[in-house]
Amino acid sequence: MWTRVPTIVDGNTISGDWTICFGDRPVGRISYSPEAPGQGAWTWALTEGAELSGRVWTEEAAMASLREAAMGSSPEAA
C-alpha cells in the first residue's frame, strides 16, 4: 500500500514536502516547489537512485511518476 507522510528533518516538518512509502518502506519524496513560469511545480525523486527524478505539473502526476519509477526498480513495489 502506498502512503504519503510529511517529511521531517531534524524534528521539523518541511512545508510542501512528503515522503512516499510502499508498505513501511520509504521509496521517495514529492514536493511542491514552483521554480519559474513554464516549469512544473511538483518534483519527485526516488530515495535510492538520484537519477530517477523529475518535475511535473500536478501532485497526482508526481505520485504516478514516482510509483512508475519505483515499480521499475523494485519488483515487490508492483
PDB file of N, CA and C in Angstrom:
ATOM      1  N   MET A   1       0.838  -1.177   0.000  1.00  0.00           N
ATOM      2  CA  MET A   1       0.000   0.000   0.000  1.00  0.00           C
ATOM      3  C   MET A   1       0.885   1.242   0.000  1.00  0.00           C
ATOM      4  N   TRP A   2       0.522   2.202  -0.811  1.00  0.00           N
ATOM      5  CA  TRP A   2       1.257   3.460  -0.910  1.00  0.00           C
ATOM      6  C   TRP A   2       0.707   4.457   0.105  1.00  0.00           C
ATOM      7  N   THR A   3       1.593   5.143   0.817  1.00  0.00           N
ATOM      8  CA  THR A   3       1.178   6.177   1.763  1.00  0.00           C
ATOM      9  C   THR A   3       2.051   7.409   1.591  1.00  0.00           C
ATOM     10  N   ARG A   4       1.526   8.526   2.010  1.00  0.00           N
ATOM     11  CA  ARG A   4       2.230   9.806   1.948  1.00  0.00           C
ATOM     12  C   ARG A   4       2.252  10.384   3.353  1.00  0.00           C
ATOM     13  N   VAL A   5       3.451  10.699   3.847  1.00  0.00           N
ATOM     14  CA  VAL A   5       3.581  11.285   5.181  1.00  0.00           C
ATOM     15  C   VAL A   5       4.439  12.541   5.075  1.00  0.00           C
ATOM     16  N   PRO A   6       4.188  13.539   5.930  1.00  0.00           N
ATOM     17  CA  PRO A   6       5.023  14.739   5.886  1.00  0.00           C
ATOM     18  C   PRO A   6       6.493  14.381   6.126  1.00  0.00           C
ATOM     19  N   THR A   7       7.372  15.028   5.378  1.00  0.00           N
ATOM     20  CA  THR A   7       8.808  14.816   5.554  1.00  0.00           C
ATOM     21  C   THR A   7       9.272  15.600   6.771  1.00  0.00           C
ATOM     22  N   ILE A   8      10.014  14.927   7.652  1.00  0.00           N
ATOM     23  CA  ILE A   8      10.529  15.558   8.867  1.00  0.00           C
ATOM     24  C   ILE A   8      12.049  15.465   8.848  1.00  0.00           C
ATOM     25  N   VAL A   9      12.709  16.609   9.020  1.00  0.00           N
ATOM     26  CA  VAL A   9      14.166  16.669   9.083  1.00  0.00           C
ATOM     27  C   VAL A   9      14.546  17.395  10.363  1.00  0.00           C
ATOM     28  N   ASP A  10      15.383  16.775  11.162  1.00  0.00           N
ATOM     29  CA  ASP A  10      15.819  17.348  12.445  1.00  0.00           C
ATOM     30  C   ASP A  10      14.640  17.756  13.323  1.00  0.00           C
ATOM     31  N   GLY A  11      13.584  16.959  13.300  1.00  0.00           N
ATOM     32  CA  GLY A  11      12.424  17.214  14.137  1.00  0.00           C
ATOM     33  C   GLY A  11      11.464  18.259  13.599  1.00  0.00           C
ATOM     34  N   ASN A  12      11.749  18.813  12.426  1.00  0.00           N
ATOM     35  CA  ASN A  12      10.894  19.845  11.842  1.00  0.00           C
ATOM     36  C   ASN A  12      10.232  19.338  10.567  1.00  0.00           C
ATOM     37  N   THR A  13       8.928  19.582  10.441  1.00  0.00           N
ATOM     38  CA  THR A  13       8.204  19.220   9.232  1.00  0.00           C
ATOM     39  C   THR A  13       8.567  20.206   8.134  1.00  0.00           C
ATOM     40  N   ILE A  14       8.884  19.678   6.954  1.00  0.00           N
ATOM     41  CA  ILE A  14       9.231  20.529   5.818  1.00  0.00           C
ATOM     42  C   ILE A  14       7.954  20.840   5.048  1.00  0.00           C
ATOM     43  N   SER A  15       7.613  22.101   4.950  1.00  0.00           N
ATOM     44  CA  SER A  15       6.402  22.528   4.270  1.00  0.00           C
ATOM     45  C   SER A  15       6.449  22.145   2.792  1.00  0.00           C
ATOM     46  N   GLY A  16       5.364  21.548   2.303  1.00  0.00           N
ATOM     47  CA  GLY A  16       5.259  21.198   0.898  1.00  0.00           C
ATOM     48  C   GLY A  16       6.075  19.997   0.474  1.00  0.00           C
ATOM     49  N   ASP A  17       6.521  19.173   1.424  1.00  0.00           N
ATOM     50  CA  ASP A  17       7.386  18.031   1.109  1.00  0.00           C
ATOM     51  C   ASP A  17       6.838  16.782   1.796  1.00  0.00           C
ATOM     52  N   TRP A  18       6.679  15.695   1.030  1.00  0.00           N
ATOM     53  CA  TRP A  18       6.140  14.454   1.577  1.00  0.00           C
ATOM     54  C   TRP A  18       7.043  13.283   1.233  1.00  0.00           C
ATOM     55  N   THR A  19       7.166  12.369   2.178  1.00  0.00           N
ATOM     56  CA  THR A  19       7.863  11.112   1.956  1.00  0.00           C
ATOM     57  C   THR A  19       6.823  10.087   1.528  1.00  0.00           C
ATOM     58  N   ILE A  20       7.109   9.376   0.447  1.00  0.00           N
ATOM     59  CA  ILE A  20       6.192   8.380  -0.083  1.00  0.00           C
ATOM     60  C   ILE A  20       6.710   7.004   0.316  1.00  0.00           C
ATOM     61  N   CYS A  21       5.822   6.215   0.919  1.00  0.00           N
ATOM     62  CA  CYS A  21       6.208   4.884   1.393  1.00  0.00           C
ATOM     63  C   CYS A  21       5.386   3.822   0.679  1.00  0.00           C
ATOM     64  N   PHE A  22       6.008   2.675   0.455  1.00  0.00           N
ATOM     65  CA  PHE A  22       5.309   1.488  -0.020  1.00  0.00           C
ATOM     66  C   PHE A  22       5.386   0.497   1.121  1.00  0.00           C
ATOM     67  N   GLY A  23       4.231   0.175   1.696  1.00  0.00           N
ATOM     68  CA  GLY A  23       4.232  -0.592   2.944  1.00  0.00           C
ATOM     69  C   GLY A  23       4.832   0.293   4.026  1.00  0.00           C
ATOM     70  N   ASP A  24       5.856  -0.186   4.701  1.00  0.00           N
ATOM     71  CA  ASP A  24       6.507   0.638   5.725  1.00  0.00           C
ATOM     72  C   ASP A  24       7.880   1.117   5.268  1.00  0.00           C
ATOM     73  N   ARG A  25       8.177   0.982   3.959  1.00  0.00           N
ATOM     74  CA  ARG A  25       9.496   1.334   3.433  1.00  0.00           C
ATOM     75  C   ARG A  25       9.431   2.632   2.626  1.00  0.00           C
ATOM     76  N   PRO A  26      10.189   3.669   3.018  1.00  0.00           N
ATOM     77  CA  PRO A  26      10.230   4.897   2.218  1.00  0.00           C
ATOM     78  C   PRO A  26      10.861   4.616   0.851  1.00  0.00           C
ATOM     79  N   VAL A  27      10.203   5.073  -0.207  1.00  0.00           N
ATOM     80  CA  VAL A  27      10.739   4.847  -1.549  1.00  0.00           C
ATOM     81  C   VAL A  27      11.080   6.141  -2.276  1.00  0.00           C
ATOM     82  N   GLY A  28      10.545   7.266  -1.808  1.00  0.00           N
ATOM     83  CA  GLY A  28      10.837   8.524  -2.483  1.00  0.00           C
ATOM     84  C   GLY A  28      10.176   9.704  -1.808  1.00  0.00           C
ATOM     85  N   ARG A  29      10.308  10.839  -2.479  1.00  0.00           N
ATOM     86  CA  ARG A  29       9.713  12.074  -1.960  1.00  0.00           C
ATOM     87  C   ARG A  29       9.075  12.844  -3.103  1.00  0.00           C
ATOM     88  N   ILE A  30       8.010  13.575  -2.770  1.00  0.00           N
ATOM     89  CA  ILE A  30       7.444  14.548  -3.691  1.00  0.00           C
ATOM     90  C   ILE A  30       7.413  15.878  -2.953  1.00  0.00           C
ATOM     91  N   SER A  31       7.538  16.960  -3.707  1.00  0.00           N
ATOM     92  CA  SER A  31       7.490  18.268  -3.057  1.00  0.00           C
ATOM     93  C   SER A  31       6.933  19.306  -4.017  1.00  0.00           C
ATOM     94  N   TYR A  32       6.294  20.299  -3.419  1.00  0.00           N
ATOM     95  CA  TYR A  32       5.756  21.419  -4.173  1.00  0.00           C
ATOM     96  C   TYR A  32       6.791  22.525  -4.114  1.00  0.00           C
ATOM     97  N   SER A  33       7.353  22.840  -5.270  1.00  0.00           N
ATOM     98  CA  SER A  33       8.405  23.854  -5.297  1.00  0.00           C
ATOM     99  C   SER A  33       8.396  24.573  -6.642  1.00  0.00           C
ATOM    100  N   PRO A  34       7.488  25.541  -6.794  1.00  0.00           N
ATOM    101  CA  PRO A  34       7.437  26.262  -8.066  1.00  0.00           C
ATOM    102  C   PRO A  34       8.744  27.028  -8.287  1.00  0.00           C
ATOM    103  N   GLU A  35       9.371  26.800  -9.423  1.00  0.00           N
ATOM    104  CA  GLU A  35      10.654  27.433  -9.723  1.00  0.00           C
ATOM    105  C   GLU A  35      10.482  28.668 -10.598  1.00  0.00           C
ATOM    106  N   ALA A  36       9.860  28.481 -11.739  1.00  0.00           N
ATOM    107  CA  ALA A  36       9.735  29.568 -12.703  1.00  0.00           C
ATOM    108  C   ALA A  36       8.532  29.291 -13.599  1.00  0.00           C
ATOM    109  N   PRO A  37       7.991  30.329 -14.220  1.00  0.00           N
ATOM    110  CA  PRO A  37       6.889  30.111 -15.151  1.00  0.00           C
ATOM    111  C   PRO A  37       7.306  29.124 -16.242  1.00  0.00           C
ATOM    112  N   GLY A  38       6.389  28.239 -16.610  1.00  0.00           N
ATOM    113  CA  GLY A  38       6.671  27.274 -17.658  1.00  0.00           C
ATOM    114  C   GLY A  38       7.308  25.991 -17.173  1.00  0.00           C
ATOM    115  N   GLN A  39       7.561  25.864 -15.873  1.00  0.00           N
ATOM    116  CA  GLN A  39       8.117  24.635 -15.304  1.00  0.00           C
ATOM    117  C   GLN A  39       7.096  24.023 -14.359  1.00  0.00           C
ATOM    118  N   GLY A  40       7.050  22.709 -14.329  1.00  0.00           N
ATOM    119  CA  GLY A  40       6.153  22.025 -13.406  1.00  0.00           C
ATOM    120  C   GLY A  40       6.486  22.384 -11.969  1.00  0.00           C
ATOM    121  N   ALA A  41       5.457  22.523 -11.145  1.00  0.00           N
ATOM    122  CA  ALA A  41       5.661  22.956  -9.763  1.00  0.00           C
ATOM    123  C   ALA A  41       5.947  21.809  -8.801  1.00  0.00           C
ATOM    124  N   TRP A  42       5.732  20.573  -9.221  1.00  0.00           N
ATOM    125  CA  TRP A  42       5.931  19.411  -8.349  1.00  0.00           C
ATOM    126  C   TRP A  42       7.178  18.649  -8.770  1.00  0.00           C
ATOM    127  N   THR A  43       8.010  18.291  -7.800  1.00  0.00           N
ATOM    128  CA  THR A  43       9.180  17.465  -8.078  1.00  0.00           C
ATOM    129  C   THR A  43       9.003  16.116  -7.398  1.00  0.00           C
ATOM    130  N   TRP A  44       9.624  15.104  -7.968  1.00  0.00           N
ATOM    131  CA  TRP A  44       9.597  13.771  -7.376  1.00  0.00           C
ATOM    132  C   TRP A  44      10.985  13.166  -7.527  1.00  0.00           C
ATOM    133  N   ALA A  45      11.342  12.291  -6.598  1.00  0.00           N
ATOM    134  CA  ALA A  45      12.634  11.604  -6.661  1.00  0.00           C
ATOM    135  C   ALA A  45      12.562  10.321  -5.854  1.00  0.00           C
ATOM    136  N   LEU A  46      13.184   9.272  -6.378  1.00  0.00           N
ATOM    137  CA  LEU A  46      13.311   8.035  -5.618  1.00  0.00           C
ATOM    138  C   LEU A  46      14.355   8.228  -4.536  1.00  0.00           C
ATOM    139  N   THR A  47      14.171   7.562  -3.403  1.00  0.00           N
ATOM    140  CA  THR A  47      15.137   7.637  -2.317  1.00  0.00           C
ATOM    141  C   THR A  47      16.464   7.040  -2.753  1.00  0.00           C
ATOM    142  N   GLU A  48      16.405   5.920  -3.447  1.00  0.00           N
ATOM    143  CA  GLU A  48      17.609   5.274  -3.973  1.00  0.00           C
ATOM    144  C   GLU A  48      17.651   5.508  -5.474  1.00  0.00           C
ATOM    145  N   GLY A  49      18.693   6.166  -5.943  1.00  0.00           N
ATOM    146  CA  GLY A  49      18.824   6.421  -7.380  1.00  0.00           C
ATOM    147  C   GLY A  49      18.464   7.844  -7.737  1.00  0.00           C
ATOM    148  N   ALA A  50      19.349   8.771  -7.439  1.00  0.00           N
ATOM    149  CA  ALA A  50      19.078  10.186  -7.691  1.00  0.00           C
ATOM    150  C   ALA A  50      18.811  10.474  -9.166  1.00  0.00           C
ATOM    151  N   GLU A  51      19.241   9.559 -10.060  1.00  0.00           N
ATOM    152  CA  GLU A  51      18.996   9.773 -11.478  1.00  0.00           C
ATOM    153  C   GLU A  51      17.527   9.579 -11.828  1.00  0.00           C
ATOM    154  N   LEU A  52      16.748   9.019 -10.912  1.00  0.00           N
ATOM    155  CA  LEU A  52      15.323   8.827 -11.131  1.00  0.00           C
ATOM    156  C   LEU A  52      14.556   9.920 -10.403  1.00  0.00           C
ATOM    157  N   SER A  53      14.358  11.023 -11.110  1.00  0.00           N
ATOM    158  CA  SER A  53      13.644  12.161 -10.539  1.00  0.00           C
ATOM    159  C   SER A  53      13.051  12.967 -11.686  1.00  0.00           C
ATOM    160  N   GLY A  54      12.187  13.896 -11.348  1.00  0.00           N
ATOM    161  CA  GLY A  54      11.598  14.719 -12.387  1.00  0.00           C
ATOM    162  C   GLY A  54      10.757  15.847 -11.825  1.00  0.00           C
ATOM    163  N   ARG A  55      10.212  16.624 -12.742  1.00  0.00           N
ATOM    164  CA  ARG A  55       9.369  17.767 -12.409  1.00  0.00           C
ATOM    165  C   ARG A  55       8.108  17.665 -13.256  1.00  0.00           C
ATOM    166  N   VAL A  56       6.953  17.780 -12.614  1.00  0.00           N
ATOM    167  CA  VAL A  56       5.662  17.648 -13.294  1.00  0.00           C
ATOM    168  C   VAL A  56       4.721  18.757 -12.830  1.00  0.00           C
ATOM    169  N   TRP A  57       3.544  18.834 -13.455  1.00  0.00           N
ATOM    170  CA  TRP A  57       2.612  19.924 -13.177  1.00  0.00           C
ATOM    171  C   TRP A  57       1.723  19.705 -11.959  1.00  0.00           C
ATOM    172  N   THR A  58       1.377  18.454 -11.640  1.00  0.00           N
ATOM    173  CA  THR A  58       0.410  18.211 -10.571  1.00  0.00           C
ATOM    174  C   THR A  58       0.928  17.211  -9.546  1.00  0.00           C
ATOM    175  N   GLU A  59       0.313  17.237  -8.370  1.00  0.00           N
ATOM    176  CA  GLU A  59       0.654  16.270  -7.321  1.00  0.00           C
ATOM    177  C   GLU A  59       0.354  14.847  -7.787  1.00  0.00           C
ATOM    178  N   GLU A  60      -0.769  14.667  -8.478  1.00  0.00           N
ATOM    179  CA  GLU A  60      -1.139  13.345  -8.973  1.00  0.00           C
ATOM    180  C   GLU A  60      -0.093  12.813  -9.950  1.00  0.00           C
ATOM    181  N   ALA A  61       0.403  13.678 -10.820  1.00  0.00           N
ATOM    182  CA  ALA A  61       1.436  13.263 -11.776  1.00  0.00           C
ATOM    183  C   ALA A  61       2.738  12.924 -11.061  1.00  0.00           C
ATOM    184  N   ALA A  62       3.057  13.649  -9.997  1.00  0.00           N
ATOM    185  CA  ALA A  62       4.269  13.349  -9.217  1.00  0.00           C
ATOM    186  C   ALA A  62       4.153  11.972  -8.575  1.00  0.00           C
ATOM    187  N   MET A  63       2.993  11.676  -7.976  1.00  0.00           N
ATOM    188  CA  MET A  63       2.784  10.363  -7.363  1.00  0.00           C
ATOM    189  C   MET A  63       2.849   9.258  -8.416  1.00  0.00           C
ATOM    190  N   ALA A  64       2.205   9.466  -9.555  1.00  0.00           N
ATOM    191  CA  ALA A  64       2.203   8.455 -10.611  1.00  0.00           C
ATOM    192  C   ALA A  64       3.615   8.210 -11.141  1.00  0.00           C
ATOM    193  N   SER A  65       4.381   9.261 -11.331  1.00  0.00           N
ATOM    194  CA  SER A  65       5.753   9.123 -11.825  1.00  0.00           C
ATOM    195  C   SER A  65       6.620   8.391 -10.819  1.00  0.00           C
ATOM    196  N   LEU A  66       6.460   8.722  -9.551  1.00  0.00           N
ATOM    197  CA  LEU A  66       7.238   8.059  -8.501  1.00  0.00           C
ATOM    198  C   LEU A  66       6.879   6.576  -8.422  1.00  0.00           C
ATOM    199  N   ARG A  67       5.600   6.268  -8.474  1.00  0.00           N
ATOM    200  CA  ARG A  67       5.167   4.859  -8.442  1.00  0.00           C
ATOM    201  C   ARG A  67       5.736   4.084  -9.627  1.00  0.00           C
ATOM    202  N   GLU A  68       5.634   4.674 -10.808  1.00  0.00           N
ATOM    203  CA  GLU A  68       6.137   4.011 -12.010  1.00  0.00           C
ATOM    204  C   GLU A  68       7.645   3.765 -11.907  1.00  0.00           C
ATOM    205  N   ALA A  69       8.384   4.754 -11.443  1.00  0.00           N
ATOM    206  CA  ALA A  69       9.834   4.596 -11.293  1.00  0.00           C
ATOM    207  C   ALA A  69      10.159   3.544 -10.239  1.00  0.00           C
ATOM    208  N   ALA A  70       9.413   3.536  -9.138  1.00  0.00           N
ATOM    209  CA  ALA A  70       9.665   2.562  -8.071  1.00  0.00           C
ATOM    210  C   ALA A  70       9.348   1.146  -8.539  1.00  0.00           C
ATOM    211  N   MET A  71       8.291   0.981  -9.299  1.00  0.00           N
ATOM    212  CA  MET A  71       7.938  -0.352  -9.794  1.00  0.00           C
ATOM    213  C   MET A  71       8.984  -0.865 -10.765  1.00  0.00           C
ATOM    214  N   GLY A  72       9.589   0.033 -11.515  1.00  0.00           N
ATOM    215  CA  GLY A  72      10.631  -0.374 -12.444  1.00  0.00           C
ATOM    216  C   GLY A  72      11.908  -0.770 -11.744  1.00  0.00           C
ATOM    217  N   SER A  73      12.157  -0.222 -10.551  1.00  0.00           N
ATOM    218  CA  SER A  73      13.405  -0.514  -9.846  1.00  0.00           C
ATOM    219  C   SER A  73      13.244  -1.573  -8.771  1.00  0.00           C
ATOM    220  N   SER A  74      11.999  -1.927  -8.431  1.00  0.00           N
ATOM    221  CA  SER A  74      11.774  -2.874  -7.341  1.00  0.00           C
ATOM    222  C   SER A  74      10.557  -3.741  -7.645  1.00  0.00           C
ATOM    223  N   PRO A  75      10.742  -5.012  -7.961  1.00  0.00           N
ATOM    224  CA  PRO A  75       9.607  -5.870  -8.330  1.00  0.00           C
ATOM    225  C   PRO A  75       8.525  -5.967  -7.265  1.00  0.00           C
ATOM    226  N   GLU A  76       8.869  -5.917  -5.979  1.00  0.00           N
ATOM    227  CA  GLU A  76       7.847  -6.060  -4.942  1.00  0.00           C
ATOM    228  C   GLU A  76       6.959  -4.832  -4.828  1.00  0.00           C
ATOM    229  N   ALA A  77       7.344  -3.691  -5.394  1.00  0.00           N
ATOM    230  CA  ALA A  77       6.525  -2.484  -5.334  1.00  0.00           C
ATOM    231  C   ALA A  77       5.387  -2.519  -6.340  1.00  0.00           C
ATOM    232  N   ALA A  78       5.382  -3.475  -7.229  1.00  0.00           N
ATOM    233  CA  ALA A  78       4.317  -3.580  -8.221  1.00  0.00           C
ATOM    234  C   ALA A  78       3.035  -3.990  -7.531  1.00  0.00           C
TER     235      ALA A  78
END
